[in-house]
């Protein structure tokens, strides 16, 4: 069996993990579109709370998606996270399982292969549009709007809605083209393309490919 056949067999064997990660990305895109459709200049408080819930769910889905390649990792980590509310502690737990948990944003550029000037290649951004600090900030801020107001506390500041558009764009910029190393995946990784502008159920709106680092 030559190297190409070995690669193709490994990619075929990794298909269940690829499918689970794709489903996680579909969940994130679905919630992203929920928020996108509600974006406006003025909001009732209930809409702000609903949007904050979905932003928080996007953050948690993005983190837990990294565990989709290994059922044991997933359920053990969920058990470890059960009593946690602080995003810093959640990240510490995820990072302990897989230090390379964070997606790497990609951008396209023209290939330098002769006679393939119309084809696109991918290169890494040096800095992700949505940083780890951004992720923690979104989760922490949105968590403040998921519980009833204490009648004796200072009234909540609902100006958080002014950041919704920026957060949406940062999430889109990070995930529309990205690569990811899944927990327990060894030197294997995935490359994902998400078309955030296509409607629900559009064929090929999320695509995933298999990659393997050369020894």
N, C-alpha and C. Protein backbone atom coordinates (compact mmCIF):
# COMPACT_ATOMS: atom_id res chain seq x y z
N UNK A 1 0.86 -1.20 0.00
CA UNK A 1 0.00 0.00 0.00
C UNK A 1 0.89 1.25 0.00
N UNK A 2 0.72 2.14 -0.99
CA UNK A 2 1.55 3.33 -1.05
C UNK A 2 1.01 4.41 -0.11
N UNK A 3 1.74 5.54 -0.04
CA UNK A 3 1.40 6.60 0.92
C UNK A 3 0.02 7.20 0.63
N UNK A 4 -0.33 7.32 -0.64
CA UNK A 4 -1.63 7.88 -0.99
C UNK A 4 -2.75 6.97 -0.50
N UNK A 5 -2.59 5.67 -0.71
CA UNK A 5 -3.62 4.72 -0.26
C UNK A 5 -3.74 4.72 1.26
N UNK A 6 -2.61 4.84 1.95
CA UNK A 6 -2.63 4.89 3.41
C UNK A 6 -3.38 6.13 3.88
N UNK A 7 -3.09 7.26 3.24
CA UNK A 7 -3.77 8.51 3.59
C UNK A 7 -5.27 8.40 3.38
N UNK A 8 -5.69 7.86 2.24
CA UNK A 8 -7.11 7.73 1.93
C UNK A 8 -7.81 6.80 2.91
N UNK A 9 -7.13 5.73 3.31
CA UNK A 9 -7.72 4.81 4.28
C UNK A 9 -7.86 5.50 5.64
N UNK A 10 -6.84 6.26 6.05
CA UNK A 10 -6.91 6.97 7.32
C UNK A 10 -8.05 7.99 7.30
N UNK A 11 -8.20 8.69 6.18
CA UNK A 11 -9.28 9.67 6.05
C UNK A 11 -10.64 8.99 6.14
N UNK A 12 -10.75 7.82 5.52
CA UNK A 12 -12.01 7.07 5.58
C UNK A 12 -12.30 6.62 7.00
N UNK A 13 -11.27 6.15 7.71
CA UNK A 13 -11.45 5.70 9.09
C UNK A 13 -11.83 6.86 10.02
N UNK A 14 -11.42 8.08 9.65
CA UNK A 14 -11.66 9.25 10.50
C UNK A 14 -13.01 9.91 10.20
N UNK A 15 -13.76 9.33 9.27
CA UNK A 15 -15.03 9.96 8.85
C UNK A 15 -16.03 10.17 9.98
N UNK A 16 -16.21 9.22 10.92
CA UNK A 16 -17.17 9.47 12.01
C UNK A 16 -16.80 10.71 12.83
N UNK A 17 -15.51 10.90 13.10
CA UNK A 17 -15.06 12.07 13.84
C UNK A 17 -15.30 13.35 13.04
N UNK A 18 -15.04 13.28 11.74
CA UNK A 18 -15.27 14.42 10.86
C UNK A 18 -16.75 14.79 10.84
N UNK A 19 -17.62 13.77 10.81
CA UNK A 19 -19.06 14.01 10.78
C UNK A 19 -19.54 14.65 12.07
N UNK A 20 -19.01 14.19 13.19
CA UNK A 20 -19.42 14.77 14.48
C UNK A 20 -18.97 16.23 14.58
N UNK A 21 -17.77 16.51 14.11
CA UNK A 21 -17.31 17.91 14.15
C UNK A 21 -18.16 18.77 13.23
N UNK A 22 -18.50 18.24 12.06
CA UNK A 22 -19.37 18.97 11.13
C UNK A 22 -20.70 19.29 11.79
N UNK A 23 -21.26 18.33 12.52
CA UNK A 23 -22.54 18.57 13.21
C UNK A 23 -22.42 19.65 14.27
N UNK A 24 -21.27 19.69 14.95
CA UNK A 24 -21.03 20.76 15.93
C UNK A 24 -21.00 22.12 15.23
N UNK A 25 -20.35 22.19 14.07
CA UNK A 25 -20.29 23.44 13.33
C UNK A 25 -21.67 23.85 12.81
N UNK A 26 -22.48 22.85 12.46
CA UNK A 26 -23.85 23.14 12.02
C UNK A 26 -24.65 23.77 13.17
N UNK A 27 -24.44 23.28 14.38
CA UNK A 27 -25.10 23.85 15.56
C UNK A 27 -24.68 25.31 15.76
N UNK A 28 -23.39 25.57 15.60
CA UNK A 28 -22.90 26.94 15.77
C UNK A 28 -23.46 27.85 14.69
N UNK A 29 -23.45 27.37 13.44
CA UNK A 29 -23.99 28.20 12.36
C UNK A 29 -25.48 28.49 12.57
N UNK A 30 -26.22 27.49 13.02
CA UNK A 30 -27.66 27.67 13.27
C UNK A 30 -27.89 28.78 14.29
N UNK A 31 -27.14 28.76 15.39
CA UNK A 31 -27.30 29.79 16.41
C UNK A 31 -26.80 31.15 15.91
N UNK A 32 -25.74 31.14 15.11
CA UNK A 32 -25.23 32.38 14.52
C UNK A 32 -26.32 33.03 13.66
N UNK A 33 -27.02 32.23 12.89
CA UNK A 33 -28.08 32.76 12.03
C UNK A 33 -29.28 33.25 12.85
N UNK A 34 -29.60 32.56 13.96
CA UNK A 34 -30.65 33.04 14.85
C UNK A 34 -30.34 34.48 15.28
N UNK A 35 -29.10 34.68 15.73
CA UNK A 35 -28.70 36.01 16.19
C UNK A 35 -28.72 37.00 15.04
N UNK A 36 -28.15 36.61 13.92
CA UNK A 36 -28.05 37.50 12.76
C UNK A 36 -29.43 38.00 12.35
N UNK A 37 -30.43 37.14 12.38
CA UNK A 37 -31.78 37.53 11.96
C UNK A 37 -32.45 38.46 12.96
N UNK A 38 -31.93 38.54 14.18
CA UNK A 38 -32.52 39.41 15.20
C UNK A 38 -31.80 40.75 15.33
N UNK A 39 -30.68 40.91 14.61
CA UNK A 39 -29.91 42.14 14.74
C UNK A 39 -30.72 43.34 14.24
N UNK A 40 -30.76 44.39 15.05
CA UNK A 40 -31.49 45.62 14.71
C UNK A 40 -30.93 46.77 15.53
N UNK A 41 -31.53 47.93 15.43
CA UNK A 41 -31.04 49.10 16.15
C UNK A 41 -31.55 49.16 17.59
N UNK A 42 -32.75 48.66 17.81
CA UNK A 42 -33.32 48.68 19.16
C UNK A 42 -33.88 47.30 19.49
N UNK A 43 -33.75 46.89 20.75
CA UNK A 43 -34.18 45.56 21.16
C UNK A 43 -35.04 45.62 22.41
N UNK A 44 -36.07 44.78 22.49
CA UNK A 44 -36.68 44.54 23.80
C UNK A 44 -35.71 43.72 24.65
N UNK A 45 -35.84 43.80 25.94
CA UNK A 45 -34.92 43.07 26.83
C UNK A 45 -34.94 41.57 26.56
N UNK A 46 -36.09 41.04 26.22
CA UNK A 46 -36.19 39.59 25.99
C UNK A 46 -35.34 39.16 24.80
N UNK A 47 -35.24 39.99 23.76
CA UNK A 47 -34.40 39.66 22.61
C UNK A 47 -32.92 39.69 23.00
N UNK A 48 -32.53 40.66 23.80
CA UNK A 48 -31.13 40.74 24.24
C UNK A 48 -30.78 39.50 25.04
N UNK A 49 -31.67 39.07 25.91
CA UNK A 49 -31.41 37.88 26.72
C UNK A 49 -31.33 36.63 25.85
N UNK A 50 -32.21 36.53 24.85
CA UNK A 50 -32.19 35.38 23.94
C UNK A 50 -30.89 35.36 23.14
N UNK A 51 -30.45 36.53 22.67
CA UNK A 51 -29.21 36.62 21.90
C UNK A 51 -28.02 36.26 22.78
N UNK A 52 -28.00 36.74 24.01
CA UNK A 52 -26.90 36.42 24.93
C UNK A 52 -26.84 34.91 25.18
N UNK A 53 -27.99 34.28 25.33
CA UNK A 53 -28.01 32.83 25.52
C UNK A 53 -27.36 32.13 24.33
N UNK A 54 -27.70 32.57 23.13
CA UNK A 54 -27.16 31.91 21.94
C UNK A 54 -25.68 32.20 21.73
N UNK A 55 -25.22 33.38 22.10
CA UNK A 55 -23.78 33.64 22.04
C UNK A 55 -23.04 32.72 23.01
N UNK A 56 -23.58 32.58 24.21
CA UNK A 56 -22.93 31.70 25.19
C UNK A 56 -22.92 30.25 24.69
N UNK A 57 -24.01 29.81 24.07
CA UNK A 57 -24.07 28.45 23.53
C UNK A 57 -23.07 28.26 22.40
N UNK A 58 -22.86 29.30 21.57
CA UNK A 58 -21.87 29.22 20.51
C UNK A 58 -20.48 29.02 21.10
N UNK A 59 -20.15 29.80 22.14
CA UNK A 59 -18.84 29.69 22.77
C UNK A 59 -18.62 28.28 23.32
N UNK A 60 -19.61 27.76 24.04
CA UNK A 60 -19.46 26.44 24.65
C UNK A 60 -19.43 25.34 23.58
N UNK A 61 -20.21 25.50 22.53
CA UNK A 61 -20.20 24.52 21.43
C UNK A 61 -18.86 24.51 20.72
N UNK A 62 -18.27 25.70 20.55
CA UNK A 62 -16.98 25.80 19.90
C UNK A 62 -15.91 25.06 20.69
N UNK A 63 -15.96 25.20 22.02
CA UNK A 63 -14.97 24.53 22.87
C UNK A 63 -15.18 23.02 22.89
N UNK A 64 -16.42 22.59 23.10
CA UNK A 64 -16.68 21.16 23.23
C UNK A 64 -16.56 20.42 21.90
N UNK A 65 -16.68 21.15 20.78
CA UNK A 65 -16.51 20.51 19.47
C UNK A 65 -15.14 19.87 19.34
N UNK A 66 -14.15 20.41 20.04
CA UNK A 66 -12.80 19.86 19.95
C UNK A 66 -12.73 18.44 20.50
N UNK A 67 -13.70 18.07 21.34
CA UNK A 67 -13.70 16.74 21.95
C UNK A 67 -14.51 15.73 21.14
N UNK A 68 -14.99 16.15 19.96
CA UNK A 68 -15.90 15.30 19.20
C UNK A 68 -15.23 14.06 18.61
N UNK A 69 -13.91 14.01 18.67
CA UNK A 69 -13.22 12.84 18.10
C UNK A 69 -13.08 11.71 19.11
N UNK A 70 -13.45 11.95 20.35
CA UNK A 70 -13.18 10.94 21.37
C UNK A 70 -14.28 10.96 22.43
N UNK A 71 -15.12 9.94 22.42
CA UNK A 71 -16.27 9.90 23.33
C UNK A 71 -15.84 9.93 24.79
N UNK A 72 -14.75 9.22 25.11
CA UNK A 72 -14.28 9.18 26.49
C UNK A 72 -13.86 10.56 26.98
N UNK A 73 -13.10 11.28 26.14
CA UNK A 73 -12.69 12.64 26.49
C UNK A 73 -13.92 13.52 26.71
N UNK A 74 -14.90 13.37 25.81
CA UNK A 74 -16.07 14.24 25.84
C UNK A 74 -16.83 14.10 27.16
N UNK A 75 -17.14 12.85 27.52
CA UNK A 75 -17.97 12.65 28.71
C UNK A 75 -17.19 12.91 30.00
N UNK A 76 -15.91 12.61 30.02
CA UNK A 76 -15.11 12.91 31.20
C UNK A 76 -15.03 14.43 31.40
N UNK A 77 -14.80 15.15 30.30
CA UNK A 77 -14.68 16.60 30.41
C UNK A 77 -16.01 17.22 30.80
N UNK A 78 -17.11 16.71 30.26
CA UNK A 78 -18.42 17.22 30.66
C UNK A 78 -18.64 17.03 32.16
N UNK A 79 -18.19 15.87 32.67
CA UNK A 79 -18.31 15.61 34.11
C UNK A 79 -17.48 16.63 34.89
N UNK A 80 -16.27 16.91 34.40
CA UNK A 80 -15.40 17.88 35.06
C UNK A 80 -15.99 19.29 35.01
N UNK A 81 -16.73 19.58 33.94
CA UNK A 81 -17.28 20.92 33.77
C UNK A 81 -18.63 21.12 34.47
N UNK A 82 -19.21 20.03 34.97
CA UNK A 82 -20.58 20.08 35.47
C UNK A 82 -20.79 21.17 36.53
N UNK A 83 -19.83 21.33 37.42
CA UNK A 83 -19.99 22.33 38.48
C UNK A 83 -19.35 23.66 38.19
N UNK A 84 -18.86 23.85 36.96
CA UNK A 84 -18.14 25.08 36.63
C UNK A 84 -19.07 26.12 36.01
N UNK A 85 -18.85 27.37 36.37
CA UNK A 85 -19.57 28.47 35.73
C UNK A 85 -18.58 29.50 35.17
N UNK A 86 -17.33 29.45 35.65
CA UNK A 86 -16.31 30.41 35.24
C UNK A 86 -15.65 29.94 33.94
N UNK A 87 -15.68 30.78 32.92
CA UNK A 87 -15.15 30.40 31.61
C UNK A 87 -13.65 30.12 31.68
N UNK A 88 -12.93 30.77 32.58
CA UNK A 88 -11.50 30.51 32.72
C UNK A 88 -11.23 29.08 33.18
N UNK A 89 -12.06 28.59 34.09
CA UNK A 89 -11.91 27.21 34.56
C UNK A 89 -12.30 26.21 33.48
N UNK A 90 -13.33 26.55 32.71
CA UNK A 90 -13.75 25.68 31.61
C UNK A 90 -12.61 25.56 30.59
N UNK A 91 -12.02 26.71 30.23
CA UNK A 91 -10.92 26.69 29.27
C UNK A 91 -9.72 25.91 29.79
N UNK A 92 -9.45 26.05 31.08
CA UNK A 92 -8.32 25.33 31.68
C UNK A 92 -8.53 23.82 31.54
N UNK A 93 -9.77 23.37 31.76
CA UNK A 93 -10.07 21.94 31.65
C UNK A 93 -9.93 21.45 30.21
N UNK A 94 -10.49 22.21 29.27
CA UNK A 94 -10.39 21.85 27.86
C UNK A 94 -8.93 21.82 27.42
N UNK A 95 -8.17 22.81 27.82
CA UNK A 95 -6.78 22.91 27.41
C UNK A 95 -5.93 21.78 28.00
N UNK A 96 -6.31 21.30 29.16
CA UNK A 96 -5.59 20.17 29.76
C UNK A 96 -5.77 18.92 28.90
N UNK A 97 -6.96 18.74 28.35
CA UNK A 97 -7.23 17.59 27.48
C UNK A 97 -6.50 17.74 26.15
N UNK A 98 -6.51 18.96 25.60
CA UNK A 98 -5.88 19.20 24.30
C UNK A 98 -5.35 20.63 24.24
N UNK A 99 -4.05 20.84 24.39
CA UNK A 99 -3.48 22.19 24.33
C UNK A 99 -3.73 22.89 22.99
N UNK A 100 -3.97 22.11 21.93
CA UNK A 100 -4.22 22.69 20.60
C UNK A 100 -5.71 22.77 20.28
N UNK A 101 -6.51 23.07 21.30
CA UNK A 101 -7.97 23.02 21.15
C UNK A 101 -8.52 24.14 20.27
N UNK A 102 -7.80 25.25 20.12
CA UNK A 102 -8.40 26.44 19.51
C UNK A 102 -8.31 26.39 17.99
N UNK A 103 -9.39 26.75 17.29
CA UNK A 103 -9.36 26.77 15.82
C UNK A 103 -8.30 27.74 15.30
N UNK A 104 -7.71 27.41 14.18
CA UNK A 104 -6.75 28.29 13.51
C UNK A 104 -7.44 28.89 12.29
N UNK A 105 -7.59 30.22 12.29
CA UNK A 105 -8.25 30.88 11.17
C UNK A 105 -7.38 30.80 9.93
N UNK A 106 -8.02 30.57 8.79
CA UNK A 106 -7.33 30.48 7.51
C UNK A 106 -7.85 31.56 6.56
N UNK A 107 -7.04 31.90 5.59
CA UNK A 107 -7.54 32.75 4.51
C UNK A 107 -7.07 32.16 3.19
N UNK A 108 -7.77 32.48 2.14
CA UNK A 108 -7.44 31.92 0.82
C UNK A 108 -6.48 32.85 0.09
N UNK A 109 -5.67 32.26 -0.74
CA UNK A 109 -4.82 33.03 -1.64
C UNK A 109 -4.63 32.23 -2.92
N UNK A 110 -4.27 32.90 -3.96
CA UNK A 110 -4.06 32.22 -5.24
C UNK A 110 -2.89 31.24 -5.13
N UNK A 111 -3.07 30.08 -5.71
CA UNK A 111 -2.00 29.10 -5.69
C UNK A 111 -0.86 29.53 -6.61
N UNK A 112 0.35 29.08 -6.26
CA UNK A 112 1.54 29.38 -7.08
C UNK A 112 1.89 28.21 -7.99
N UNK A 113 1.00 27.23 -8.06
CA UNK A 113 1.24 26.07 -8.92
C UNK A 113 1.06 26.49 -10.38
N UNK A 114 2.01 26.20 -11.24
CA UNK A 114 1.87 26.56 -12.67
C UNK A 114 0.58 26.01 -13.26
N UNK A 115 -0.07 26.81 -14.09
CA UNK A 115 -1.31 26.43 -14.79
C UNK A 115 -2.48 26.24 -13.84
N UNK A 116 -2.35 26.70 -12.58
CA UNK A 116 -3.47 26.60 -11.63
C UNK A 116 -3.72 27.95 -10.96
N UNK A 117 -3.56 29.01 -11.71
CA UNK A 117 -3.71 30.36 -11.14
C UNK A 117 -5.14 30.65 -10.69
N UNK A 118 -6.10 29.85 -11.18
CA UNK A 118 -7.49 30.06 -10.79
C UNK A 118 -7.83 29.35 -9.49
N UNK A 119 -6.94 28.48 -9.02
CA UNK A 119 -7.21 27.69 -7.81
C UNK A 119 -6.79 28.47 -6.57
N UNK A 120 -7.42 28.14 -5.45
CA UNK A 120 -7.12 28.83 -4.19
C UNK A 120 -6.39 27.90 -3.25
N UNK A 121 -5.43 28.45 -2.53
CA UNK A 121 -4.77 27.73 -1.46
C UNK A 121 -5.17 28.36 -0.14
N UNK A 122 -4.66 27.83 0.95
CA UNK A 122 -5.01 28.34 2.27
C UNK A 122 -3.75 28.62 3.06
N UNK A 123 -3.73 29.75 3.77
CA UNK A 123 -2.64 30.06 4.67
C UNK A 123 -3.21 30.48 6.02
N UNK A 124 -2.44 30.32 7.05
CA UNK A 124 -2.88 30.66 8.40
C UNK A 124 -2.80 32.16 8.64
N UNK A 125 -3.81 32.69 9.34
CA UNK A 125 -3.67 34.02 9.91
C UNK A 125 -2.69 33.94 11.07
N UNK A 126 -1.91 34.98 11.25
CA UNK A 126 -1.03 35.02 12.41
C UNK A 126 -1.85 35.23 13.69
N UNK A 127 -2.96 35.93 13.56
CA UNK A 127 -3.80 36.23 14.72
C UNK A 127 -5.26 35.99 14.36
N UNK A 128 -5.93 35.22 15.18
CA UNK A 128 -7.33 34.90 14.91
C UNK A 128 -8.20 36.14 15.09
N UNK A 129 -9.24 36.24 14.28
CA UNK A 129 -10.17 37.37 14.40
C UNK A 129 -10.87 37.35 15.75
N UNK A 130 -11.22 36.15 16.20
CA UNK A 130 -11.83 35.97 17.52
C UNK A 130 -10.77 35.34 18.41
N UNK A 131 -10.19 36.13 19.29
CA UNK A 131 -9.13 35.62 20.15
C UNK A 131 -9.71 34.82 21.31
N UNK A 132 -8.85 34.12 22.03
CA UNK A 132 -9.29 33.41 23.23
C UNK A 132 -9.83 34.38 24.26
N UNK A 133 -9.22 35.56 24.35
CA UNK A 133 -9.71 36.58 25.29
C UNK A 133 -11.10 37.05 24.89
N UNK A 134 -11.32 37.22 23.57
CA UNK A 134 -12.66 37.60 23.09
C UNK A 134 -13.68 36.54 23.49
N UNK A 135 -13.30 35.29 23.33
CA UNK A 135 -14.19 34.18 23.63
C UNK A 135 -14.61 34.21 25.11
N UNK A 136 -13.63 34.39 25.98
CA UNK A 136 -13.91 34.44 27.41
C UNK A 136 -14.77 35.65 27.75
N UNK A 137 -14.49 36.77 27.09
CA UNK A 137 -15.23 38.00 27.36
C UNK A 137 -16.70 37.86 26.96
N UNK A 138 -16.95 37.29 25.78
CA UNK A 138 -18.32 37.10 25.32
C UNK A 138 -19.09 36.20 26.28
N UNK A 139 -18.48 35.08 26.67
CA UNK A 139 -19.14 34.14 27.56
C UNK A 139 -19.46 34.80 28.90
N UNK A 140 -18.50 35.52 29.46
CA UNK A 140 -18.69 36.13 30.78
C UNK A 140 -19.75 37.23 30.74
N UNK A 141 -19.70 38.09 29.72
CA UNK A 141 -20.67 39.17 29.63
C UNK A 141 -22.08 38.64 29.42
N UNK A 142 -22.21 37.67 28.53
CA UNK A 142 -23.55 37.14 28.23
C UNK A 142 -24.15 36.39 29.41
N UNK A 143 -23.31 35.80 30.24
CA UNK A 143 -23.81 35.05 31.38
C UNK A 143 -24.59 35.93 32.35
N UNK A 144 -24.30 37.23 32.34
CA UNK A 144 -24.97 38.16 33.25
C UNK A 144 -26.45 38.36 32.91
N UNK A 145 -26.85 37.93 31.71
CA UNK A 145 -28.22 38.22 31.24
C UNK A 145 -29.09 36.97 31.17
N UNK A 146 -28.65 35.90 31.81
CA UNK A 146 -29.36 34.62 31.71
C UNK A 146 -30.17 34.30 32.96
N UNK A 147 -30.23 35.24 33.90
CA UNK A 147 -30.95 34.99 35.15
C UNK A 147 -31.81 36.20 35.49
N UNK A 148 -32.89 35.99 36.22
CA UNK A 148 -33.76 37.11 36.59
C UNK A 148 -33.00 38.16 37.39
N UNK A 149 -33.44 39.40 37.25
CA UNK A 149 -32.82 40.52 37.95
C UNK A 149 -33.17 40.50 39.43
N UNK A 150 -32.15 40.63 40.28
CA UNK A 150 -32.38 40.82 41.71
C UNK A 150 -33.05 42.17 41.91
N UNK A 151 -34.26 42.22 42.52
CA UNK A 151 -34.98 43.49 42.63
C UNK A 151 -34.24 44.53 43.48
N UNK A 152 -33.25 44.10 44.27
CA UNK A 152 -32.52 45.03 45.12
C UNK A 152 -31.18 45.46 44.50
N UNK A 153 -30.85 44.87 43.35
CA UNK A 153 -29.58 45.17 42.70
C UNK A 153 -29.72 46.37 41.76
N UNK A 154 -28.58 46.91 41.37
CA UNK A 154 -28.59 47.98 40.38
C UNK A 154 -29.08 47.42 39.05
N UNK A 155 -29.90 48.17 38.35
CA UNK A 155 -30.48 47.71 37.09
C UNK A 155 -29.38 47.33 36.09
N UNK A 156 -29.62 46.25 35.36
CA UNK A 156 -28.65 45.79 34.37
C UNK A 156 -28.50 46.82 33.25
N UNK A 157 -27.30 46.89 32.72
CA UNK A 157 -27.00 47.76 31.59
C UNK A 157 -27.17 46.95 30.30
N UNK A 158 -28.20 47.24 29.54
CA UNK A 158 -28.49 46.47 28.34
C UNK A 158 -27.77 47.02 27.10
N UNK A 159 -26.80 47.90 27.30
CA UNK A 159 -26.05 48.41 26.16
C UNK A 159 -25.10 47.36 25.59
N UNK A 160 -25.07 46.17 26.20
CA UNK A 160 -24.28 45.06 25.65
C UNK A 160 -24.66 44.79 24.19
N UNK A 161 -25.89 45.12 23.83
CA UNK A 161 -26.37 44.85 22.47
C UNK A 161 -25.55 45.60 21.41
N UNK A 162 -24.85 46.66 21.81
CA UNK A 162 -24.04 47.41 20.86
C UNK A 162 -22.84 46.61 20.36
N UNK A 163 -22.52 45.51 21.03
CA UNK A 163 -21.39 44.68 20.63
C UNK A 163 -21.79 43.47 19.79
N UNK A 164 -23.08 43.25 19.62
CA UNK A 164 -23.55 42.03 18.95
C UNK A 164 -23.01 41.90 17.53
N UNK A 165 -23.09 42.97 16.75
CA UNK A 165 -22.63 42.90 15.35
C UNK A 165 -21.14 42.56 15.27
N UNK A 166 -20.35 43.19 16.13
CA UNK A 166 -18.91 42.93 16.13
C UNK A 166 -18.62 41.47 16.49
N UNK A 167 -19.31 40.94 17.49
CA UNK A 167 -19.11 39.55 17.89
C UNK A 167 -19.46 38.59 16.76
N UNK A 168 -20.57 38.86 16.09
CA UNK A 168 -20.96 38.00 14.97
C UNK A 168 -19.87 37.96 13.90
N UNK A 169 -19.33 39.12 13.55
CA UNK A 169 -18.31 39.18 12.51
C UNK A 169 -17.03 38.47 12.93
N UNK A 170 -16.67 38.59 14.21
CA UNK A 170 -15.46 37.93 14.69
C UNK A 170 -15.61 36.40 14.66
N UNK A 171 -16.77 35.93 15.07
CA UNK A 171 -17.03 34.48 15.01
C UNK A 171 -16.98 33.99 13.57
N UNK A 172 -17.60 34.73 12.69
CA UNK A 172 -17.61 34.36 11.27
C UNK A 172 -16.19 34.35 10.70
N UNK A 173 -15.38 35.37 11.05
CA UNK A 173 -14.03 35.46 10.52
C UNK A 173 -13.14 34.32 11.01
N UNK A 174 -13.36 33.88 12.25
CA UNK A 174 -12.58 32.76 12.78
C UNK A 174 -12.95 31.44 12.12
N UNK A 175 -14.24 31.21 11.94
CA UNK A 175 -14.71 29.86 11.59
C UNK A 175 -15.01 29.65 10.10
N UNK A 176 -15.12 30.71 9.31
CA UNK A 176 -15.54 30.49 7.91
C UNK A 176 -14.53 29.64 7.15
N UNK A 177 -13.24 29.82 7.42
CA UNK A 177 -12.20 28.88 6.98
C UNK A 177 -11.31 28.64 8.19
N UNK A 178 -11.23 27.42 8.66
CA UNK A 178 -10.35 27.17 9.80
C UNK A 178 -9.85 25.73 9.79
N UNK A 179 -8.77 25.52 10.50
CA UNK A 179 -8.27 24.16 10.73
C UNK A 179 -8.32 23.89 12.23
N UNK A 180 -8.36 22.62 12.59
CA UNK A 180 -8.51 22.25 14.00
C UNK A 180 -7.86 20.90 14.25
N UNK A 181 -7.17 20.80 15.37
CA UNK A 181 -6.67 19.51 15.85
C UNK A 181 -7.61 19.04 16.95
N UNK A 182 -8.23 17.91 16.76
CA UNK A 182 -9.18 17.40 17.73
C UNK A 182 -8.48 16.62 18.83
N UNK A 183 -9.10 16.61 20.01
CA UNK A 183 -8.55 15.85 21.14
C UNK A 183 -8.40 14.39 20.76
N UNK A 184 -7.24 13.82 21.06
CA UNK A 184 -7.00 12.41 20.75
C UNK A 184 -6.74 12.14 19.28
N UNK A 185 -6.62 13.19 18.47
CA UNK A 185 -6.45 13.01 17.03
C UNK A 185 -5.02 12.86 16.58
N UNK A 186 -4.07 12.94 17.52
CA UNK A 186 -2.67 12.79 17.15
C UNK A 186 -2.22 13.89 16.19
N UNK A 187 -1.56 13.49 15.11
CA UNK A 187 -1.08 14.48 14.13
C UNK A 187 -2.09 14.71 13.01
N UNK A 188 -3.31 14.29 13.24
CA UNK A 188 -4.38 14.51 12.26
C UNK A 188 -5.12 15.80 12.58
N UNK A 189 -5.59 16.46 11.56
CA UNK A 189 -6.38 17.68 11.76
C UNK A 189 -7.42 17.79 10.66
N UNK A 190 -8.32 18.73 10.83
CA UNK A 190 -9.40 18.96 9.87
C UNK A 190 -9.30 20.37 9.32
N UNK A 191 -9.77 20.55 8.10
CA UNK A 191 -9.93 21.88 7.53
C UNK A 191 -11.41 22.06 7.20
N UNK A 192 -11.98 23.16 7.64
CA UNK A 192 -13.43 23.36 7.55
C UNK A 192 -13.74 24.67 6.83
N UNK A 193 -14.76 24.61 5.99
CA UNK A 193 -15.30 25.80 5.33
C UNK A 193 -16.77 25.91 5.71
N UNK A 194 -17.16 27.06 6.24
CA UNK A 194 -18.56 27.30 6.62
C UNK A 194 -19.07 28.51 5.85
N UNK A 195 -20.13 28.32 5.09
CA UNK A 195 -20.75 29.42 4.36
C UNK A 195 -21.85 30.01 5.24
N UNK A 196 -21.51 31.06 5.98
CA UNK A 196 -22.48 31.67 6.89
C UNK A 196 -23.58 32.43 6.15
N UNK A 197 -23.34 32.74 4.88
CA UNK A 197 -24.31 33.54 4.12
C UNK A 197 -25.39 32.69 3.46
N UNK A 198 -25.22 31.38 3.46
CA UNK A 198 -26.23 30.51 2.85
C UNK A 198 -27.30 30.15 3.87
N UNK A 199 -28.54 29.94 3.42
CA UNK A 199 -29.64 29.63 4.35
C UNK A 199 -29.55 28.22 4.91
N UNK A 200 -30.44 27.93 5.87
CA UNK A 200 -30.50 26.60 6.48
C UNK A 200 -30.63 25.52 5.42
N UNK A 201 -29.92 24.43 5.62
CA UNK A 201 -30.10 23.25 4.79
C UNK A 201 -29.52 23.34 3.40
N UNK A 202 -28.77 24.38 3.09
CA UNK A 202 -28.17 24.49 1.76
C UNK A 202 -27.09 23.42 1.59
N UNK A 203 -27.15 22.70 0.48
CA UNK A 203 -26.18 21.63 0.24
C UNK A 203 -24.76 22.19 0.20
N UNK A 204 -23.87 21.56 0.97
CA UNK A 204 -22.47 21.96 0.97
C UNK A 204 -22.17 23.24 1.71
N UNK A 205 -23.11 23.71 2.54
CA UNK A 205 -22.85 24.97 3.25
C UNK A 205 -21.77 24.82 4.32
N UNK A 206 -21.53 23.58 4.77
CA UNK A 206 -20.41 23.29 5.66
C UNK A 206 -19.64 22.11 5.07
N UNK A 207 -18.35 22.31 4.86
CA UNK A 207 -17.52 21.26 4.27
C UNK A 207 -16.33 20.99 5.18
N UNK A 208 -15.94 19.73 5.28
CA UNK A 208 -14.83 19.35 6.14
C UNK A 208 -13.87 18.44 5.37
N UNK A 209 -12.59 18.68 5.54
CA UNK A 209 -11.56 17.88 4.88
C UNK A 209 -10.56 17.35 5.89
N UNK A 210 -9.87 16.29 5.52
CA UNK A 210 -8.92 15.61 6.41
C UNK A 210 -7.50 16.00 6.06
N UNK A 211 -6.69 16.27 7.07
CA UNK A 211 -5.28 16.56 6.84
C UNK A 211 -4.44 15.77 7.84
N UNK A 212 -3.20 15.50 7.47
CA UNK A 212 -2.29 14.82 8.38
C UNK A 212 -0.92 15.47 8.27
N UNK A 213 -0.36 15.80 9.44
CA UNK A 213 0.96 16.40 9.47
C UNK A 213 2.02 15.37 9.09
N UNK A 214 2.94 15.78 8.23
CA UNK A 214 4.01 14.87 7.84
C UNK A 214 5.01 14.71 8.96
N UNK A 215 5.52 13.51 9.09
CA UNK A 215 6.53 13.23 10.13
C UNK A 215 7.89 13.85 9.73
